[in-house]
Amino acid sequence: WLADQRFHNAPGRHMHHDELDSLITGWTRGQEKLAAMHLLQRAGVPAAAVLDAKEVLADPHLGQREFFQHIDVPNVGRVPVSRYLGARFSEMDVGAHGRGPRLGEHNSDVLQDVLGVSDQELHQLQRDGVISTEPQLSLPVEEFRAALKLPLDMYLEIGSVTAVDEAPILALDKSVP
């Protein structure tokens, strides 16, 4: 392709981008994504494979760099969380800030300490369902699961998704009362 005058400079590559895209597509189809990435990088081409979440968590480079820290999350267990900064510095270690807040965890702090809501008003807001520490589903669990799964089935059918990990959907039975 380097010898092809159509691709000799940026304007030429732009003018013939459909042909170039076709050539690149043909080449990448026959490659495994990580092998293609390493081959391109060895040739001096900036390249990175597009990884799904499981591949990112299992990536040996990220593991060696300790990109993820494992933190304890109530009712879930130990989960990997990316560091606050992706870069590592010898004089400064900026780790993960910790877990995200649980639903309604800071209701009292914000409503009472910041906004001055009384204990009586806070309890009334809880009784009225205005605030809560438990998710309020608008559908029964089975209907909720079906609603989550339906678009995924459609994406599978049209080919924009190649696989669906149903474990998080099936976990609704355990996490939702």
Protein backbone atom coordinates (compact mmCIF):
# COMPACT_ATOMS: atom_id res chain seq x y z
CA TRP A 1 0.00 0.00 0.00
CA LEU A 2 2.98 2.30 0.56
CA ALA A 3 3.78 2.13 -3.16
CA ASP A 4 0.19 2.85 -4.21
CA GLN A 5 0.07 6.48 -5.38
CA ARG A 6 -3.56 6.80 -4.25
CA PHE A 7 -2.38 6.53 -0.64
CA HIS A 8 0.93 8.42 -0.95
CA ASN A 9 -0.24 11.45 1.05
CA ALA A 10 -3.09 12.55 3.30
CA PRO A 11 -5.17 14.18 0.53
CA GLY A 12 -4.83 11.04 -1.59
CA ARG A 13 -5.82 8.78 1.30
CA HIS A 14 -8.79 11.03 1.97
CA MET A 15 -9.86 11.04 -1.67
CA HIS A 16 -9.59 7.22 -1.84
CA HIS A 17 -10.72 6.47 1.70
CA ASP A 18 -13.37 3.94 0.58
CA GLU A 19 -10.77 1.82 -1.20
CA LEU A 20 -8.36 2.14 1.73
CA ASP A 21 -11.11 1.19 4.20
CA SER A 22 -11.89 -1.85 2.07
CA LEU A 23 -8.23 -2.93 2.07
CA ILE A 24 -7.92 -2.43 5.83
CA THR A 25 -11.18 -4.33 6.42
CA GLY A 26 -9.96 -7.21 4.28
CA TRP A 27 -6.68 -7.39 6.18
CA THR A 28 -8.19 -7.10 9.67
CA ARG A 29 -10.84 -9.76 9.02
CA GLY A 30 -8.11 -12.36 8.79
CA GLN A 31 -6.42 -11.24 12.01
CA GLU A 32 -7.02 -11.89 15.68
CA LYS A 33 -7.32 -8.45 17.26
CA LEU A 34 -4.47 -8.74 19.76
CA ALA A 35 -2.14 -10.29 17.17
CA ALA A 36 -2.99 -7.48 14.74
CA MET A 37 -2.36 -4.88 17.43
CA HIS A 38 1.08 -6.31 18.28
CA LEU A 39 2.03 -6.68 14.61
CA LEU A 40 1.08 -3.06 13.90
CA GLN A 41 2.85 -1.78 17.01
CA ARG A 42 6.06 -3.64 16.07
CA ALA A 43 5.85 -1.90 12.67
CA GLY A 44 5.60 1.49 14.41
CA VAL A 45 1.88 1.97 13.82
CA PRO A 46 -0.02 3.28 16.86
CA ALA A 47 -2.67 0.61 17.39
CA ALA A 48 -4.84 -0.79 20.15
CA ALA A 49 -7.34 -3.61 20.18
CA VAL A 50 -10.89 -2.78 21.20
CA LEU A 51 -11.49 -4.87 24.32
CA ASP A 52 -14.71 -5.76 26.06
CA ALA A 53 -15.01 -5.39 29.84
CA LYS A 54 -13.88 -8.95 30.59
CA GLU A 55 -10.87 -8.59 28.31
CA VAL A 56 -9.90 -5.32 29.98
CA LEU A 57 -10.05 -6.95 33.42
CA ALA A 58 -7.94 -9.89 32.20
CA ASP A 59 -5.44 -7.78 30.22
CA PRO A 60 -1.92 -8.82 31.32
CA HIS A 61 -0.46 -5.34 30.74
CA LEU A 62 -3.09 -3.66 32.91
CA GLY A 63 -2.65 -6.37 35.53
CA GLN A 64 1.12 -5.91 35.60
CA ARG A 65 0.65 -2.14 35.94
CA GLU A 66 -1.86 -2.71 38.79
CA PHE A 67 -4.39 -0.60 36.89
CA PHE A 68 -7.21 -2.08 38.98
CA GLN A 69 -7.47 -2.20 42.73
CA HIS A 70 -9.89 -4.57 44.43
CA ILE A 71 -12.17 -2.95 46.97
CA ASP A 72 -14.93 -4.32 49.17
CA VAL A 73 -18.46 -3.36 48.19
CA PRO A 74 -21.26 -4.15 50.66
CA ASN A 75 -23.64 -6.89 49.45
CA VAL A 76 -21.42 -7.52 46.40
CA GLY A 77 -17.94 -8.52 47.58
CA ARG A 78 -14.54 -7.55 46.22
CA VAL A 79 -14.69 -5.77 42.87
CA PRO A 80 -11.99 -4.34 40.62
CA VAL A 81 -11.97 -0.54 40.38
CA SER A 82 -9.65 1.42 38.11
CA ARG A 83 -7.13 3.71 39.73
CA TYR A 84 -7.92 7.41 39.83
CA LEU A 85 -5.03 8.06 37.45
CA GLY A 86 -4.09 5.57 34.77
CA ALA A 87 -0.45 6.65 34.98
CA ARG A 88 1.88 5.58 37.78
CA PHE A 89 4.38 7.95 39.35
CA SER A 90 7.28 6.96 41.60
CA GLU A 91 6.66 9.82 44.03
CA MET A 92 2.86 9.75 44.05
CA ASP A 93 0.41 6.88 44.23
CA VAL A 94 -3.14 7.90 43.44
CA GLY A 95 -5.27 4.83 43.93
CA ALA A 96 -8.96 4.23 43.48
CA HIS A 97 -11.13 6.51 45.59
CA GLY A 98 -13.19 3.55 46.72
CA ARG A 99 -16.65 2.37 45.98
CA GLY A 100 -19.45 4.57 44.77
CA PRO A 101 -22.15 5.44 47.28
CA ARG A 102 -25.06 3.08 47.79
CA LEU A 103 -28.52 4.32 46.89
CA GLY A 104 -29.58 6.92 49.44
CA GLU A 105 -26.45 6.46 51.53
CA HIS A 106 -26.01 10.22 51.95
CA ASN A 107 -29.67 11.19 52.25
CA SER A 108 -29.32 12.25 55.87
CA ASP A 109 -25.97 14.01 55.36
CA VAL A 110 -27.29 16.11 52.49
CA LEU A 111 -30.87 16.69 53.62
CA GLN A 112 -30.16 17.30 57.29
CA ASP A 113 -26.59 18.55 57.57
CA VAL A 114 -26.57 20.65 54.39
CA LEU A 115 -30.23 21.59 53.87
CA GLY A 116 -31.40 21.59 57.49
CA VAL A 117 -34.28 19.08 57.15
CA SER A 118 -35.54 17.95 60.57
CA ASP A 119 -35.68 14.31 61.75
CA GLN A 120 -39.47 14.42 61.43
CA GLU A 121 -39.31 15.75 57.84
CA LEU A 122 -36.68 13.15 56.90
CA HIS A 123 -38.85 10.30 58.22
CA GLN A 124 -41.87 11.71 56.35
CA LEU A 125 -39.88 11.79 53.10
CA GLN A 126 -38.95 8.13 53.70
CA ARG A 127 -42.56 7.13 54.48
CA ASP A 128 -43.83 8.93 51.37
CA GLY A 129 -41.25 7.14 49.19
CA VAL A 130 -39.61 10.40 48.16
CA ILE A 131 -36.25 9.07 49.35
CA SER A 132 -35.11 5.51 49.90
CA THR A 133 -32.12 3.28 50.33
CA GLU A 134 -33.71 0.47 48.31
CA PRO A 135 -34.44 0.56 44.57
CA GLN A 136 -38.09 0.86 43.72
CA LEU A 137 -38.81 -1.18 40.60
CA SER A 138 -41.79 -0.18 38.52
CA LEU A 139 -42.21 -3.78 37.30
CA PRO A 140 -42.09 -7.22 38.91
CA VAL A 141 -38.64 -8.82 38.69
CA GLU A 142 -39.61 -11.17 35.82
CA GLU A 143 -40.96 -8.30 33.71
CA PHE A 144 -37.93 -6.19 34.57
CA ARG A 145 -35.60 -8.99 33.44
CA ALA A 146 -37.54 -9.41 30.20
CA ALA A 147 -37.39 -5.65 29.56
CA LEU A 148 -33.61 -5.70 30.00
CA LYS A 149 -33.16 -8.76 27.81
CA LEU A 150 -35.45 -7.79 24.93
CA PRO A 151 -33.20 -5.16 23.31
CA LEU A 152 -30.19 -7.47 23.69
CA ASP A 153 -32.00 -10.21 21.76
CA MET A 154 -32.77 -7.69 19.02
CA TYR A 155 -29.12 -6.56 18.89
CA LEU A 156 -28.05 -10.21 18.57
CA GLU A 157 -30.47 -10.77 15.70
CA ILE A 158 -29.24 -7.79 13.69
CA GLY A 159 -25.60 -8.58 14.41
CA SER A 160 -24.58 -5.44 16.31
CA VAL A 161 -23.90 -7.61 19.38
CA THR A 162 -22.15 -10.95 19.04
CA ALA A 163 -22.82 -12.39 22.52
CA VAL A 164 -24.71 -11.60 25.71
CA ASP A 165 -23.50 -12.47 29.20
CA GLU A 166 -26.76 -13.21 31.00
CA ALA A 167 -25.17 -13.52 34.46
CA PRO A 168 -25.95 -9.89 35.45
CA ILE A 169 -29.55 -10.27 34.26
CA LEU A 170 -29.98 -13.57 36.11
CA ALA A 171 -28.45 -11.98 39.24
CA LEU A 172 -31.56 -9.81 39.56
CA ASP A 173 -33.25 -12.68 41.42
CA LYS A 174 -30.62 -12.41 44.13
CA SER A 175 -30.32 -8.64 44.33
CA VAL A 176 -33.94 -7.53 44.05
CA PRO A 177 -36.42 -8.47 46.78
